[in-house]
Amino acid sequence: MLPIDTRFNSNQLRFKNLSDLNATLEPLFEARSRQHWQTRLDASGIPNSPVQSVLEMMAHEQTEALGMLQQLDTTEPKLMGVPLSFDGQRPQIRSMAPALGEHNEQIKVAHDAD
């Protein structure tokens, strides 16, 4: 059906008819697993990457290889690091985010000094 549907013959037409295109494609994609579509796309030479849940991303070997998850110490949970690297080095996380209200007094004192 899609190859002969003139609503989808070009990028401009696909964009113009995006809601119809999505309504046509979504049931097809939902009928098979993510792995099925990734295998088919890979076999056809079409670049693709699955959308992952946070837990899947955290467990992925590439996330580990890139050093994306960092830990301040052994008692803290792993946190997402800075998504940049400089000269091949990813900046380390220096501290946890403050607790709600943790710096209120410091901010008040600094504001009162102005």
PDB file of N, CA and C in Angstrom:
ATOM      1  N   MET A   1       0.810  -1.186   0.000  1.00  0.00           N
ATOM      2  CA  MET A   1       0.000   0.000   0.000  1.00  0.00           C
ATOM      3  C   MET A   1       0.864   1.265   0.000  1.00  0.00           C
ATOM      4  N   LEU A   2       1.862   1.361   0.877  1.00  0.00           N
ATOM      5  CA  LEU A   2       2.662   2.581   0.961  1.00  0.00           C
ATOM      6  C   LEU A   2       3.404   2.935  -0.322  1.00  0.00           C
ATOM      7  N   PRO A   3       4.010   1.971  -1.014  1.00  0.00           N
ATOM      8  CA  PRO A   3       4.754   2.355  -2.223  1.00  0.00           C
ATOM      9  C   PRO A   3       3.891   3.005  -3.298  1.00  0.00           C
ATOM     10  N   ILE A   4       2.599   2.729  -3.330  1.00  0.00           N
ATOM     11  CA  ILE A   4       1.756   3.309  -4.371  1.00  0.00           C
ATOM     12  C   ILE A   4       0.871   4.448  -3.867  1.00  0.00           C
ATOM     13  N   ASP A   5       0.971   4.773  -2.572  1.00  0.00           N
ATOM     14  CA  ASP A   5       0.159   5.853  -2.002  1.00  0.00           C
ATOM     15  C   ASP A   5       0.832   7.191  -2.325  1.00  0.00           C
ATOM     16  N   THR A   6       0.211   7.973  -3.193  1.00  0.00           N
ATOM     17  CA  THR A   6       0.811   9.227  -3.667  1.00  0.00           C
ATOM     18  C   THR A   6       0.954  10.275  -2.567  1.00  0.00           C
ATOM     19  N   ARG A   7       0.271  10.096  -1.440  1.00  0.00           N
ATOM     20  CA  ARG A   7       0.413  11.051  -0.325  1.00  0.00           C
ATOM     21  C   ARG A   7       1.813  11.005   0.283  1.00  0.00           C
ATOM     22  N   PHE A   8       2.558   9.930   0.001  1.00  0.00           N
ATOM     23  CA  PHE A   8       3.850   9.735   0.642  1.00  0.00           C
ATOM     24  C   PHE A   8       4.999   9.659  -0.365  1.00  0.00           C
ATOM     25  N   ASN A   9       4.822  10.215  -1.569  1.00  0.00           N
ATOM     26  CA  ASN A   9       5.813  10.098  -2.648  1.00  0.00           C
ATOM     27  C   ASN A   9       7.074  10.929  -2.443  1.00  0.00           C
ATOM     28  N   SER A  10       7.053  11.925  -1.585  1.00  0.00           N
ATOM     29  CA  SER A  10       8.229  12.775  -1.364  1.00  0.00           C
ATOM     30  C   SER A  10       8.285  13.174   0.104  1.00  0.00           C
ATOM     31  N   ASN A  11       9.423  13.721   0.517  1.00  0.00           N
ATOM     32  CA  ASN A  11       9.537  14.187   1.903  1.00  0.00           C
ATOM     33  C   ASN A  11       8.497  15.259   2.207  1.00  0.00           C
ATOM     34  N   GLN A  12       8.301  16.166   1.262  1.00  0.00           N
ATOM     35  CA  GLN A  12       7.315  17.230   1.477  1.00  0.00           C
ATOM     36  C   GLN A  12       5.908  16.657   1.661  1.00  0.00           C
ATOM     37  N   LEU A  13       5.558  15.682   0.830  1.00  0.00           N
ATOM     38  CA  LEU A  13       4.230  15.073   0.955  1.00  0.00           C
ATOM     39  C   LEU A  13       4.118  14.249   2.235  1.00  0.00           C
ATOM     40  N   ARG A  14       5.187  13.542   2.594  1.00  0.00           N
ATOM     41  CA  ARG A  14       5.142  12.773   3.852  1.00  0.00           C
ATOM     42  C   ARG A  14       4.953  13.708   5.036  1.00  0.00           C
ATOM     43  N   PHE A  15       5.639  14.856   5.016  1.00  0.00           N
ATOM     44  CA  PHE A  15       5.486  15.819   6.110  1.00  0.00           C
ATOM     45  C   PHE A  15       4.072  16.402   6.117  1.00  0.00           C
ATOM     46  N   LYS A  16       3.585  16.760   4.944  1.00  0.00           N
ATOM     47  CA  LYS A  16       2.236  17.320   4.822  1.00  0.00           C
ATOM     48  C   LYS A  16       1.186  16.330   5.334  1.00  0.00           C
ATOM     49  N   ASN A  17       1.408  15.047   5.105  1.00  0.00           N
ATOM     50  CA  ASN A  17       0.462  13.991   5.492  1.00  0.00           C
ATOM     51  C   ASN A  17       0.974  13.163   6.664  1.00  0.00           C
ATOM     52  N   LEU A  18       1.735  13.801   7.529  1.00  0.00           N
ATOM     53  CA  LEU A  18       2.402  13.077   8.620  1.00  0.00           C
ATOM     54  C   LEU A  18       1.426  12.327   9.527  1.00  0.00           C
ATOM     55  N   SER A  19       0.312  12.924   9.861  1.00  0.00           N
ATOM     56  CA  SER A  19      -0.622  12.213  10.754  1.00  0.00           C
ATOM     57  C   SER A  19      -1.172  10.952  10.070  1.00  0.00           C
ATOM     58  N   ASP A  20      -1.450  11.030   8.763  1.00  0.00           N
ATOM     59  CA  ASP A  20      -1.901   9.838   8.038  1.00  0.00           C
ATOM     60  C   ASP A  20      -0.786   8.794   7.957  1.00  0.00           C
ATOM     61  N   LEU A  21       0.432   9.253   7.717  1.00  0.00           N
ATOM     62  CA  LEU A  21       1.565   8.327   7.634  1.00  0.00           C
ATOM     63  C   LEU A  21       1.766   7.616   8.967  1.00  0.00           C
ATOM     64  N   ASN A  22       1.738   8.380  10.060  1.00  0.00           N
ATOM     65  CA  ASN A  22       1.897   7.772  11.384  1.00  0.00           C
ATOM     66  C   ASN A  22       0.761   6.795  11.683  1.00  0.00           C
ATOM     67  N   ALA A  23      -0.444   7.159  11.330  1.00  0.00           N
ATOM     68  CA  ALA A  23      -1.596   6.268  11.566  1.00  0.00           C
ATOM     69  C   ALA A  23      -1.467   4.970  10.773  1.00  0.00           C
ATOM     70  N   THR A  24      -0.796   5.036   9.627  1.00  0.00           N
ATOM     71  CA  THR A  24      -0.581   3.841   8.807  1.00  0.00           C
ATOM     72  C   THR A  24       0.562   2.992   9.356  1.00  0.00           C
ATOM     73  N   LEU A  25       1.646   3.660   9.771  1.00  0.00           N
ATOM     74  CA  LEU A  25       2.846   2.928  10.191  1.00  0.00           C
ATOM     75  C   LEU A  25       2.789   2.383  11.615  1.00  0.00           C
ATOM     76  N   GLU A  26       2.201   3.122  12.537  1.00  0.00           N
ATOM     77  CA  GLU A  26       2.221   2.704  13.940  1.00  0.00           C
ATOM     78  C   GLU A  26       1.680   1.300  14.168  1.00  0.00           C
ATOM     79  N   PRO A  27       0.544   0.916  13.607  1.00  0.00           N
ATOM     80  CA  PRO A  27       0.071  -0.456  13.824  1.00  0.00           C
ATOM     81  C   PRO A  27       1.042  -1.506  13.267  1.00  0.00           C
ATOM     82  N   LEU A  28       1.702  -1.179  12.160  1.00  0.00           N
ATOM     83  CA  LEU A  28       2.675  -2.112  11.592  1.00  0.00           C
ATOM     84  C   LEU A  28       3.858  -2.306  12.541  1.00  0.00           C
ATOM     85  N   PHE A  29       4.380  -1.186  13.054  1.00  0.00           N
ATOM     86  CA  PHE A  29       5.524  -1.276  13.963  1.00  0.00           C
ATOM     87  C   PHE A  29       5.153  -1.952  15.280  1.00  0.00           C
ATOM     88  N   GLU A  30       3.955  -1.684  15.764  1.00  0.00           N
ATOM     89  CA  GLU A  30       3.522  -2.275  17.029  1.00  0.00           C
ATOM     90  C   GLU A  30       3.279  -3.778  16.926  1.00  0.00           C
ATOM     91  N   ALA A  31       3.041  -4.269  15.731  1.00  0.00           N
ATOM     92  CA  ALA A  31       2.738  -5.693  15.537  1.00  0.00           C
ATOM     93  C   ALA A  31       3.970  -6.584  15.682  1.00  0.00           C
ATOM     94  N   ARG A  32       5.159  -6.009  15.590  1.00  0.00           N
ATOM     95  CA  ARG A  32       6.406  -6.785  15.687  1.00  0.00           C
ATOM     96  C   ARG A  32       7.303  -6.177  16.752  1.00  0.00           C
ATOM     97  N   SER A  33       8.275  -6.940  17.188  1.00  0.00           N
ATOM     98  CA  SER A  33       9.178  -6.473  18.244  1.00  0.00           C
ATOM     99  C   SER A  33      10.174  -5.438  17.712  1.00  0.00           C
ATOM    100  N   ARG A  34      10.716  -4.697  18.615  1.00  0.00           N
ATOM    101  CA  ARG A  34      11.764  -3.725  18.275  1.00  0.00           C
ATOM    102  C   ARG A  34      12.936  -4.431  17.615  1.00  0.00           C
ATOM    103  N   GLN A  35      13.299  -5.608  18.133  1.00  0.00           N
ATOM    104  CA  GLN A  35      14.420  -6.372  17.570  1.00  0.00           C
ATOM    105  C   GLN A  35      14.126  -6.802  16.137  1.00  0.00           C
ATOM    106  N   HIS A  36      12.893  -7.176  15.849  1.00  0.00           N
ATOM    107  CA  HIS A  36      12.507  -7.551  14.485  1.00  0.00           C
ATOM    108  C   HIS A  36      12.789  -6.399  13.523  1.00  0.00           C
ATOM    109  N   TRP A  37      12.324  -5.189  13.888  1.00  0.00           N
ATOM    110  CA  TRP A  37      12.497  -4.045  12.986  1.00  0.00           C
ATOM    111  C   TRP A  37      13.965  -3.647  12.878  1.00  0.00           C
ATOM    112  N   GLN A  38      14.683  -3.729  13.976  1.00  0.00           N
ATOM    113  CA  GLN A  38      16.104  -3.391  13.918  1.00  0.00           C
ATOM    114  C   GLN A  38      16.849  -4.359  13.000  1.00  0.00           C
ATOM    115  N   THR A  39      16.547  -5.632  13.081  1.00  0.00           N
ATOM    116  CA  THR A  39      17.170  -6.642  12.215  1.00  0.00           C
ATOM    117  C   THR A  39      16.836  -6.372  10.753  1.00  0.00           C
ATOM    118  N   ARG A  40      15.571  -6.092  10.461  1.00  0.00           N
ATOM    119  CA  ARG A  40      15.154  -5.807   9.069  1.00  0.00           C
ATOM    120  C   ARG A  40      15.843  -4.555   8.532  1.00  0.00           C
ATOM    121  N   LEU A  41      15.883  -3.507   9.338  1.00  0.00           N
ATOM    122  CA  LEU A  41      16.520  -2.261   8.901  1.00  0.00           C
ATOM    123  C   LEU A  41      18.021  -2.449   8.708  1.00  0.00           C
ATOM    124  N   ASP A  42      18.668  -3.168   9.635  1.00  0.00           N
ATOM    125  CA  ASP A  42      20.106  -3.453   9.501  1.00  0.00           C
ATOM    126  C   ASP A  42      20.378  -4.224   8.212  1.00  0.00           C
ATOM    127  N   ALA A  43      19.556  -5.244   7.946  1.00  0.00           N
ATOM    128  CA  ALA A  43      19.745  -6.070   6.749  1.00  0.00           C
ATOM    129  C   ALA A  43      19.568  -5.261   5.466  1.00  0.00           C
ATOM    130  N   SER A  44      18.765  -4.204   5.543  1.00  0.00           N
ATOM    131  CA  SER A  44      18.542  -3.357   4.370  1.00  0.00           C
ATOM    132  C   SER A  44      19.533  -2.201   4.276  1.00  0.00           C
ATOM    133  N   GLY A  45      20.440  -2.127   5.246  1.00  0.00           N
ATOM    134  CA  GLY A  45      21.426  -1.051   5.228  1.00  0.00           C
ATOM    135  C   GLY A  45      20.869   0.302   5.642  1.00  0.00           C
ATOM    136  N   ILE A  46      19.771   0.293   6.381  1.00  0.00           N
ATOM    137  CA  ILE A  46      19.150   1.539   6.825  1.00  0.00           C
ATOM    138  C   ILE A  46      19.623   1.851   8.237  1.00  0.00           C
ATOM    139  N   PRO A  47      20.298   2.997   8.429  1.00  0.00           N
ATOM    140  CA  PRO A  47      20.759   3.357   9.775  1.00  0.00           C
ATOM    141  C   PRO A  47      19.577   3.443  10.734  1.00  0.00           C
ATOM    142  N   ASN A  48      19.753   2.912  11.931  1.00  0.00           N
ATOM    143  CA  ASN A  48      18.684   2.933  12.914  1.00  0.00           C
ATOM    144  C   ASN A  48      19.261   2.724  14.299  1.00  0.00           C
ATOM    145  N   SER A  49      18.501   3.052  15.272  1.00  0.00           N
ATOM    146  CA  SER A  49      18.873   2.811  16.659  1.00  0.00           C
ATOM    147  C   SER A  49      17.580   2.747  17.462  1.00  0.00           C
ATOM    148  N   PRO A  50      17.484   1.806  18.361  1.00  0.00           N
ATOM    149  CA  PRO A  50      16.248   1.696  19.130  1.00  0.00           C
ATOM    150  C   PRO A  50      16.125   2.807  20.168  1.00  0.00           C
ATOM    151  N   VAL A  51      14.900   3.188  20.445  1.00  0.00           N
ATOM    152  CA  VAL A  51      14.642   4.084  21.566  1.00  0.00           C
ATOM    153  C   VAL A  51      14.646   3.204  22.806  1.00  0.00           C
ATOM    154  N   GLN A  52      15.455   3.570  23.775  1.00  0.00           N
ATOM    155  CA  GLN A  52      15.604   2.741  24.964  1.00  0.00           C
ATOM    156  C   GLN A  52      14.980   3.400  26.184  1.00  0.00           C
ATOM    157  N   SER A  53      14.574   2.566  27.121  1.00  0.00           N
ATOM    158  CA  SER A  53      14.136   3.088  28.412  1.00  0.00           C
ATOM    159  C   SER A  53      15.384   3.528  29.176  1.00  0.00           C
ATOM    160  N   VAL A  54      15.193   4.246  30.257  1.00  0.00           N
ATOM    161  CA  VAL A  54      16.331   4.692  31.060  1.00  0.00           C
ATOM    162  C   VAL A  54      17.124   3.489  31.567  1.00  0.00           C
ATOM    163  N   LEU A  55      16.445   2.461  32.041  1.00  0.00           N
ATOM    164  CA  LEU A  55      17.148   1.285  32.553  1.00  0.00           C
ATOM    165  C   LEU A  55      17.914   0.563  31.452  1.00  0.00           C
ATOM    166  N   GLU A  56      17.340   0.482  30.248  1.00  0.00           N
ATOM    167  CA  GLU A  56      18.047  -0.136  29.123  1.00  0.00           C
ATOM    168  C   GLU A  56      19.294   0.668  28.767  1.00  0.00           C
ATOM    169  N   MET A  57      19.153   1.986  28.740  1.00  0.00           N
ATOM    170  CA  MET A  57      20.287   2.846  28.430  1.00  0.00           C
ATOM    171  C   MET A  57      21.388   2.679  29.464  1.00  0.00           C
ATOM    172  N   MET A  58      21.015   2.602  30.734  1.00  0.00           N
ATOM    173  CA  MET A  58      22.018   2.481  31.794  1.00  0.00           C
ATOM    174  C   MET A  58      22.754   1.145  31.719  1.00  0.00           C
ATOM    175  N   ALA A  59      22.087   0.105  31.238  1.00  0.00           N
ATOM    176  CA  ALA A  59      22.693  -1.225  31.158  1.00  0.00           C
ATOM    177  C   ALA A  59      23.424  -1.461  29.835  1.00  0.00           C
ATOM    178  N   HIS A  60      23.287  -0.552  28.882  1.00  0.00           N
ATOM    179  CA  HIS A  60      23.856  -0.766  27.552  1.00  0.00           C
ATOM    180  C   HIS A  60      25.380  -0.686  27.586  1.00  0.00           C
ATOM    181  N   GLU A  61      26.025  -1.576  26.849  1.00  0.00           N
ATOM    182  CA  GLU A  61      27.490  -1.639  26.830  1.00  0.00           C
ATOM    183  C   GLU A  61      28.123  -0.345  26.316  1.00  0.00           C
ATOM    184  N   GLN A  62      27.457   0.352  25.404  1.00  0.00           N
ATOM    185  CA  GLN A  62      28.020   1.595  24.877  1.00  0.00           C
ATOM    186  C   GLN A  62      28.006   2.697  25.933  1.00  0.00           C
ATOM    187  N   THR A  63      26.978   2.724  26.756  1.00  0.00           N
ATOM    188  CA  THR A  63      26.918   3.693  27.848  1.00  0.00           C
ATOM    189  C   THR A  63      28.100   3.486  28.781  1.00  0.00           C
ATOM    190  N   GLU A  64      28.389   2.236  29.085  1.00  0.00           N
ATOM    191  CA  GLU A  64      29.542   1.903  29.935  1.00  0.00           C
ATOM    192  C   GLU A  64      30.845   2.275  29.253  1.00  0.00           C
ATOM    193  N   ALA A  65      30.979   1.920  27.976  1.00  0.00           N
ATOM    194  CA  ALA A  65      32.225   2.196  27.245  1.00  0.00           C
ATOM    195  C   ALA A  65      32.514   3.693  27.161  1.00  0.00           C
ATOM    196  N   LEU A  66      31.475   4.503  27.078  1.00  0.00           N
ATOM    197  CA  LEU A  66      31.654   5.949  26.985  1.00  0.00           C
ATOM    198  C   LEU A  66      31.814   6.617  28.352  1.00  0.00           C
ATOM    199  N   GLY A  67      31.652   5.857  29.417  1.00  0.00           N
ATOM    200  CA  GLY A  67      31.776   6.428  30.753  1.00  0.00           C
ATOM    201  C   GLY A  67      30.676   7.431  31.058  1.00  0.00           C
ATOM    202  N   MET A  68      29.497   7.197  30.501  1.00  0.00           N
ATOM    203  CA  MET A  68      28.395   8.144  30.682  1.00  0.00           C
ATOM    204  C   MET A  68      27.840   8.150  32.104  1.00  0.00           C
ATOM    205  N   LEU A  69      27.899   7.010  32.779  1.00  0.00           N
ATOM    206  CA  LEU A  69      27.391   6.943  34.149  1.00  0.00           C
ATOM    207  C   LEU A  69      28.552   7.104  35.113  1.00  0.00           C
ATOM    208  N   GLN A  70      28.370   7.971  36.078  1.00  0.00           N
ATOM    209  CA  GLN A  70      29.427   8.249  37.045  1.00  0.00           C
ATOM    210  C   GLN A  70      28.872   8.133  38.452  1.00  0.00           C
ATOM    211  N   GLN A  71      29.780   7.889  39.377  1.00  0.00           N
ATOM    212  CA  GLN A  71      29.394   7.735  40.776  1.00  0.00           C
ATOM    213  C   GLN A  71      30.316   8.601  41.615  1.00  0.00           C
ATOM    214  N   LEU A  72      29.741   9.375  42.534  1.00  0.00           N
ATOM    215  CA  LEU A  72      30.560  10.224  43.401  1.00  0.00           C
ATOM    216  C   LEU A  72      31.314   9.385  44.425  1.00  0.00           C
ATOM    217  N   ASP A  73      30.638   8.461  45.028  1.00  0.00           N
ATOM    218  CA  ASP A  73      31.268   7.499  45.932  1.00  0.00           C
ATOM    219  C   ASP A  73      30.452   6.221  45.887  1.00  0.00           C
ATOM    220  N   THR A  74      30.858   5.252  46.652  1.00  0.00           N
ATOM    221  CA  THR A  74      30.208   3.937  46.546  1.00  0.00           C
ATOM    222  C   THR A  74      28.800   3.909  47.123  1.00  0.00           C
ATOM    223  N   THR A  75      28.395   4.935  47.889  1.00  0.00           N
ATOM    224  CA  THR A  75      27.057   4.918  48.476  1.00  0.00           C
ATOM    225  C   THR A  75      26.030   5.641  47.620  1.00  0.00           C
ATOM    226  N   GLU A  76      26.483   6.437  46.682  1.00  0.00           N
ATOM    227  CA  GLU A  76      25.568   7.209  45.841  1.00  0.00           C
ATOM    228  C   GLU A  76      25.139   6.389  44.627  1.00  0.00           C
ATOM    229  N   PRO A  77      23.977   6.692  44.092  1.00  0.00           N
ATOM    230  CA  PRO A  77      23.576   6.013  42.849  1.00  0.00           C
ATOM    231  C   PRO A  77      24.410   6.525  41.682  1.00  0.00           C
ATOM    232  N   LYS A  78      24.463   5.763  40.619  1.00  0.00           N
ATOM    233  CA  LYS A  78      25.130   6.235  39.416  1.00  0.00           C
ATOM    234  C   LYS A  78      24.289   7.344  38.799  1.00  0.00           C
ATOM    235  N   LEU A  79      24.969   8.343  38.283  1.00  0.00           N
ATOM    236  CA  LEU A  79      24.314   9.496  37.684  1.00  0.00           C
ATOM    237  C   LEU A  79      24.757   9.648  36.241  1.00  0.00           C
ATOM    238  N   MET A  80      23.929  10.278  35.427  1.00  0.00           N
ATOM    239  CA  MET A  80      24.299  10.566  34.056  1.00  0.00           C
ATOM    240  C   MET A  80      25.356  11.659  34.071  1.00  0.00           C
ATOM    241  N   GLY A  81      26.485  11.380  33.444  1.00  0.00           N
ATOM    242  CA  GLY A  81      27.562  12.356  33.382  1.00  0.00           C
ATOM    243  C   GLY A  81      27.306  13.410  32.325  1.00  0.00           C
ATOM    244  N   VAL A  82      28.237  14.330  32.233  1.00  0.00           N
ATOM    245  CA  VAL A  82      28.169  15.387  31.232  1.00  0.00           C
ATOM    246  C   VAL A  82      28.266  14.736  29.850  1.00  0.00           C
ATOM    247  N   PRO A  83      27.368  15.085  28.915  1.00  0.00           N
ATOM    248  CA  PRO A  83      27.364  14.415  27.608  1.00  0.00           C
ATOM    249  C   PRO A  83      28.418  14.955  26.636  1.00  0.00           C
ATOM    250  N   LEU A  84      29.499  15.481  27.154  1.00  0.00           N
ATOM    251  CA  LEU A  84      30.602  16.001  26.348  1.00  0.00           C
ATOM    252  C   LEU A  84      31.907  15.422  26.848  1.00  0.00           C
ATOM    253  N   SER A  85      32.898  15.399  25.981  1.00  0.00           N
ATOM    254  CA  SER A  85      34.232  15.046  26.437  1.00  0.00           C
ATOM    255  C   SER A  85      35.211  16.028  25.815  1.00  0.00           C
ATOM    256  N   PHE A  86      36.299  16.281  26.526  1.00  0.00           N
ATOM    257  CA  PHE A  86      37.331  17.202  26.084  1.00  0.00           C
ATOM    258  C   PHE A  86      38.645  16.442  26.038  1.00  0.00           C
ATOM    259  N   ASP A  87      39.254  16.413  24.856  1.00  0.00           N
ATOM    260  CA  ASP A  87      40.483  15.645  24.658  1.00  0.00           C
ATOM    261  C   ASP A  87      40.312  14.204  25.127  1.00  0.00           C
ATOM    262  N   GLY A  88      39.123  13.642  24.860  1.00  0.00           N
ATOM    263  CA  GLY A  88      38.846  12.256  25.200  1.00  0.00           C
ATOM    264  C   GLY A  88      38.497  12.017  26.657  1.00  0.00           C
ATOM    265  N   GLN A  89      38.379  13.064  27.450  1.00  0.00           N
ATOM    266  CA  GLN A  89      38.065  12.926  28.875  1.00  0.00           C
ATOM    267  C   GLN A  89      36.707  13.543  29.182  1.00  0.00           C
ATOM    268  N   ARG A  90      35.880  12.803  29.887  1.00  0.00           N
ATOM    269  CA  ARG A  90      34.572  13.298  30.292  1.00  0.00           C
ATOM    270  C   ARG A  90      34.731  13.977  31.654  1.00  0.00           C
ATOM    271  N   PRO A  91      34.244  15.222  31.804  1.00  0.00           N
ATOM    272  CA  PRO A  91      34.329  15.881  33.115  1.00  0.00           C
ATOM    273  C   PRO A  91      33.619  15.057  34.181  1.00  0.00           C
ATOM    274  N   GLN A  92      34.211  14.982  35.338  1.00  0.00           N
ATOM    275  CA  GLN A  92      33.626  14.225  36.438  1.00  0.00           C
ATOM    276  C   GLN A  92      32.573  15.046  37.169  1.00  0.00           C
ATOM    277  N   ILE A  93      31.566  14.372  37.672  1.00  0.00           N
ATOM    278  CA  ILE A  93      30.556  15.023  38.510  1.00  0.00           C
ATOM    279  C   ILE A  93      31.239  15.381  39.821  1.00  0.00           C
ATOM    280  N   ARG A  94      31.066  16.620  40.270  1.00  0.00           N
ATOM    281  CA  ARG A  94      31.747  17.074  41.500  1.00  0.00           C
ATOM    282  C   ARG A  94      30.886  16.920  42.744  1.00  0.00           C
ATOM    283  N   SER A  95      29.568  17.029  42.595  1.00  0.00           N
ATOM    284  CA  SER A  95      28.712  16.901  43.775  1.00  0.00           C
ATOM    285  C   SER A  95      27.299  16.545  43.343  1.00  0.00           C
ATOM    286  N   MET A  96      26.548  16.064  44.314  1.00  0.00           N
ATOM    287  CA  MET A  96      25.139  15.770  44.072  1.00  0.00           C
ATOM    288  C   MET A  96      24.380  17.089  43.981  1.00  0.00           C
ATOM    289  N   ALA A  97      23.223  17.055  43.359  1.00  0.00           N
ATOM    290  CA  ALA A  97      22.356  18.238  43.345  1.00  0.00           C
ATOM    291  C   ALA A  97      21.948  18.537  44.785  1.00  0.00           C
ATOM    292  N   PRO A  98      21.771  19.806  45.134  1.00  0.00           N
ATOM    293  CA  PRO A  98      21.398  20.133  46.513  1.00  0.00           C
ATOM    294  C   PRO A  98      19.985  19.653  46.838  1.00  0.00           C
ATOM    295  N   ALA A  99      19.791  19.378  48.100  1.00  0.00           N
ATOM    296  CA  ALA A  99      18.451  19.034  48.579  1.00  0.00           C
ATOM    297  C   ALA A  99      17.597  20.295  48.546  1.00  0.00           C
ATOM    298  N   LEU A 100      16.302  20.125  48.486  1.00  0.00           N
ATOM    299  CA  LEU A 100      15.393  21.253  48.467  1.00  0.00           C
ATOM    300  C   LEU A 100      15.650  22.153  49.679  1.00  0.00           C
ATOM    301  N   GLY A 101      15.970  23.403  49.417  1.00  0.00           N
ATOM    302  CA  GLY A 101      16.204  24.369  50.489  1.00  0.00           C
ATOM    303  C   GLY A 101      17.589  24.342  51.093  1.00  0.00           C
ATOM    304  N   GLU A 102      18.442  23.454  50.646  1.00  0.00           N
ATOM    305  CA  GLU A 102      19.766  23.286  51.255  1.00  0.00           C
ATOM    306  C   GLU A 102      20.594  24.573  51.262  1.00  0.00           C
ATOM    307  N   HIS A 103      20.479  25.388  50.240  1.00  0.00           N
ATOM    308  CA  HIS A 103      21.300  26.603  50.148  1.00  0.00           C
ATOM    309  C   HIS A 103      20.506  27.883  50.388  1.00  0.00           C
ATOM    310  N   ASN A 104      19.301  27.773  50.916  1.00  0.00           N
ATOM    311  CA  ASN A 104      18.468  28.958  51.125  1.00  0.00           C
ATOM    312  C   ASN A 104      19.173  30.022  51.959  1.00  0.00           C
ATOM    313  N   GLU A 105      19.777  29.627  53.054  1.00  0.00           N
ATOM    314  CA  GLU A 105      20.422  30.599  53.945  1.00  0.00           C
ATOM    315  C   GLU A 105      21.593  31.282  53.249  1.00  0.00           C
ATOM    316  N   GLN A 106      22.400  30.522  52.518  1.00  0.00           N
ATOM    317  CA  GLN A 106      23.531  31.115  51.796  1.00  0.00           C
ATOM    318  C   GLN A 106      23.043  32.115  50.756  1.00  0.00           C
ATOM    319  N   ILE A 107      21.983  31.782  50.064  1.00  0.00           N
ATOM    320  CA  ILE A 107      21.441  32.680  49.048  1.00  0.00           C
ATOM    321  C   ILE A 107      20.863  33.928  49.700  1.00  0.00           C
ATOM    322  N   LYS A 108      20.185  33.752  50.833  1.00  0.00           N
ATOM    323  CA  LYS A 108      19.606  34.890  51.546  1.00  0.00           C
ATOM    324  C   LYS A 108      20.704  35.837  52.001  1.00  0.00           C
ATOM    325  N   VAL A 109      21.772  35.308  52.573  1.00  0.00           N
ATOM    326  CA  VAL A 109      22.886  36.134  53.048  1.00  0.00           C
ATOM    327  C   VAL A 109      23.528  36.873  51.879  1.00  0.00           C
ATOM    328  N   ALA A 110      23.748  36.181  50.765  1.00  0.00           N
ATOM    329  CA  ALA A 110      24.364  36.811  49.593  1.00  0.00           C
ATOM    330  C   ALA A 110      23.446  37.890  49.042  1.00  0.00           C
ATOM    331  N   HIS A 111      22.127  37.644  49.059  1.00  0.00           N
ATOM    332  CA  HIS A 111      21.175  38.621  48.537  1.00  0.00           C
ATOM    333  C   HIS A 111      21.101  39.831  49.447  1.00  0.00           C
ATOM    334  N   ASP A 112      21.113  39.591  50.765  1.00  0.00           N
ATOM    335  CA  ASP A 112      21.040  40.697  51.728  1.00  0.00           C
ATOM    336  C   ASP A 112      22.290  41.583  51.665  1.00  0.00           C
ATOM    337  N   ALA A 113      23.432  41.006  51.254  1.00  0.00           N
ATOM    338  CA  ALA A 113      24.678  41.769  51.172  1.00  0.00           C
ATOM    339  C   ALA A 113      24.672  42.718  49.986  1.00  0.00           C
ATOM    340  N   ASP A 114      23.824  42.460  49.003  1.00  0.00           N
ATOM    341  CA  ASP A 114      23.754  43.336  47.806  1.00  0.00           C
ATOM    342  C   ASP A 114      23.103  44.596  48.131  1.00  0.00           C
TER     343      ASP A 114
END
